[in-house]
Amino acid sequence: MLGFADMEGPSVNGLRIVELLLGLLRRAGFSSHEAALLEPQLERSVLAFVMLETRAASAAESPDEQAARTRARRAQLLTLPPEEFPNVVEAGEYLCGAADADESFELALDLLIGGLEKLLESSAASADRNK
């Protein structure tokens, strides 16, 4: 995220975040190089989670407003040609419904952690093959 090559000088707080993430990745078993590649991706993911939560909180709507917005979104999806967008039309009810923020966040973390575990397994397998 910090893109050190493009910066005039990272902030101390920014460096603390990078240090923490690099340390976590290294303790998990990633090499320094792998950790350096993964760190900005993790930072972006966490930032995206925070921005979505902040935007959702700042756009606090009444239950009636939320229901009206959901109905309008569903109506838009129902006008899509199902031969062109069969999956979107079929999943429209779920795409337009109000997602549980905690459930969505936990799913995103599970995906992120699962991806890191898979990368670590692949990295370890590759290191074993190269021995």
Protein backbone atom coordinates (compact mmCIF):
# COMPACT_ATOMS: atom_id res chain seq x y z
CA MET A 1 0.00 0.00 0.00
CA LEU A 2 2.74 2.39 0.87
CA GLY A 3 4.62 1.77 -2.37
CA PHE A 4 7.97 2.82 -0.93
CA ALA A 5 9.51 3.33 -4.36
CA ASP A 6 6.89 5.98 -5.13
CA MET A 7 6.97 7.84 -1.83
CA GLU A 8 9.07 10.72 -0.64
CA GLY A 9 9.06 9.29 2.85
CA PRO A 10 6.56 7.05 4.63
CA SER A 11 5.08 8.23 7.88
CA VAL A 12 6.21 6.65 11.12
CA ASN A 13 2.69 5.34 11.72
CA GLY A 14 2.60 3.90 8.21
CA LEU A 15 5.92 2.17 8.88
CA ARG A 16 4.53 0.74 12.13
CA ILE A 17 1.65 -0.84 10.21
CA VAL A 18 4.05 -2.27 7.63
CA GLU A 19 6.35 -3.56 10.39
CA LEU A 20 3.45 -5.25 12.16
CA LEU A 21 2.11 -6.92 9.02
CA LEU A 22 5.56 -8.02 7.86
CA GLY A 23 6.23 -9.49 11.30
CA LEU A 24 2.95 -11.39 11.31
CA LEU A 25 3.60 -12.77 7.85
CA ARG A 26 7.16 -13.77 8.72
CA ARG A 27 6.00 -15.53 11.91
CA ALA A 28 3.39 -17.35 9.83
CA GLY A 29 6.20 -18.76 7.72
CA PHE A 30 6.43 -16.50 4.69
CA SER A 31 9.84 -15.44 3.43
CA SER A 32 10.83 -11.79 3.57
CA HIS A 33 10.21 -11.50 -0.16
CA GLU A 34 6.76 -13.13 0.06
CA ALA A 35 5.84 -10.97 3.05
CA ALA A 36 6.85 -7.84 1.16
CA LEU A 37 4.61 -8.88 -1.75
CA LEU A 38 1.67 -9.75 0.50
CA GLU A 39 1.83 -6.78 2.87
CA PRO A 40 0.37 -4.15 0.51
CA GLN A 41 -2.40 -6.54 -0.54
CA LEU A 42 -3.40 -7.14 3.06
CA GLU A 43 -3.23 -3.46 3.83
CA ARG A 44 -5.52 -2.68 0.88
CA SER A 45 -7.98 -5.37 1.93
CA VAL A 46 -8.23 -4.11 5.49
CA LEU A 47 -8.54 -0.53 4.25
CA ALA A 48 -11.37 -1.57 1.93
CA PHE A 49 -13.20 -3.27 4.82
CA VAL A 50 -12.85 -0.15 6.96
CA MET A 51 -13.94 2.18 4.16
CA LEU A 52 -17.04 0.08 3.42
CA GLU A 53 -17.97 -0.01 7.09
CA THR A 54 -17.41 3.72 7.46
CA ARG A 55 -19.48 4.49 4.39
CA ALA A 56 -22.27 2.20 5.58
CA ALA A 57 -22.26 3.81 9.02
CA SER A 58 -22.26 7.35 7.62
CA ALA A 59 -25.13 6.52 5.28
CA ALA A 60 -27.31 5.29 8.11
CA GLU A 61 -30.82 4.97 6.76
CA SER A 62 -34.04 4.30 8.49
CA PRO A 63 -35.45 0.79 8.03
CA ASP A 64 -38.07 2.24 5.66
CA GLU A 65 -35.36 3.90 3.55
CA GLN A 66 -33.35 0.68 3.44
CA ALA A 67 -36.41 -1.31 2.37
CA ALA A 68 -37.23 1.22 -0.36
CA ARG A 69 -33.64 1.13 -1.66
CA THR A 70 -33.68 -2.68 -1.66
CA ARG A 71 -36.99 -2.75 -3.58
CA ALA A 72 -35.61 -0.30 -6.15
CA ARG A 73 -32.48 -2.41 -6.64
CA ARG A 74 -34.54 -5.58 -7.05
CA ALA A 75 -36.76 -3.86 -9.60
CA GLN A 76 -33.68 -2.83 -11.59
CA LEU A 77 -32.35 -6.37 -11.60
CA LEU A 78 -35.68 -7.78 -12.70
CA THR A 79 -35.53 -5.61 -15.82
CA LEU A 80 -32.22 -7.19 -16.88
CA PRO A 81 -32.44 -9.67 -19.76
CA PRO A 82 -32.11 -13.10 -18.10
CA GLU A 83 -30.50 -14.59 -21.21
CA GLU A 84 -27.63 -12.11 -20.82
CA PHE A 85 -27.46 -12.02 -17.00
CA PRO A 86 -28.90 -15.34 -15.80
CA ASN A 87 -26.78 -15.51 -12.66
CA VAL A 88 -27.38 -11.91 -11.62
CA VAL A 89 -31.14 -12.28 -12.07
CA GLU A 90 -31.19 -15.58 -10.18
CA ALA A 91 -29.15 -14.19 -7.29
CA GLY A 92 -30.94 -10.83 -7.33
CA GLU A 93 -32.77 -11.44 -4.08
CA TYR A 94 -29.48 -12.03 -2.29
CA LEU A 95 -27.54 -9.32 -4.10
CA CYS A 96 -30.09 -6.69 -3.12
CA GLY A 97 -30.80 -7.80 0.40
CA ALA A 98 -29.19 -6.15 3.36
CA ALA A 99 -26.14 -8.25 4.19
CA ASP A 100 -25.23 -8.84 7.80
CA ALA A 101 -22.08 -6.75 8.28
CA ASP A 102 -20.48 -9.13 10.78
CA GLU A 103 -21.19 -12.17 8.62
CA SER A 104 -19.79 -10.44 5.54
CA PHE A 105 -16.67 -9.32 7.39
CA GLU A 106 -16.06 -12.81 8.79
CA LEU A 107 -16.49 -14.35 5.35
CA ALA A 108 -14.00 -11.88 3.87
CA LEU A 109 -11.50 -12.66 6.62
CA ASP A 110 -11.98 -16.40 6.10
CA LEU A 111 -11.29 -15.96 2.39
CA LEU A 112 -8.23 -13.85 3.08
CA ILE A 113 -6.85 -16.25 5.68
CA GLY A 114 -7.63 -19.28 3.51
CA GLY A 115 -5.77 -17.68 0.61
CA LEU A 116 -2.76 -16.95 2.81
CA GLU A 117 -2.77 -20.53 4.11
CA LYS A 118 -2.87 -21.87 0.56
CA LEU A 119 0.01 -19.60 -0.48
CA LEU A 120 2.02 -20.72 2.52
CA GLU A 121 1.37 -24.39 1.70
CA SER A 122 2.42 -23.81 -1.92
CA SER A 123 5.53 -21.95 -0.81
CA ALA A 124 6.49 -24.73 1.60
CA ALA A 125 5.86 -27.40 -1.04
CA SER A 126 7.99 -25.48 -3.53
CA ALA A 127 10.79 -25.11 -0.99
CA ASP A 128 10.65 -28.86 -0.28
CA ARG A 129 10.90 -29.66 -4.01
CA ASN A 130 13.93 -27.40 -4.37
CA LYS A 131 15.87 -29.14 -1.58
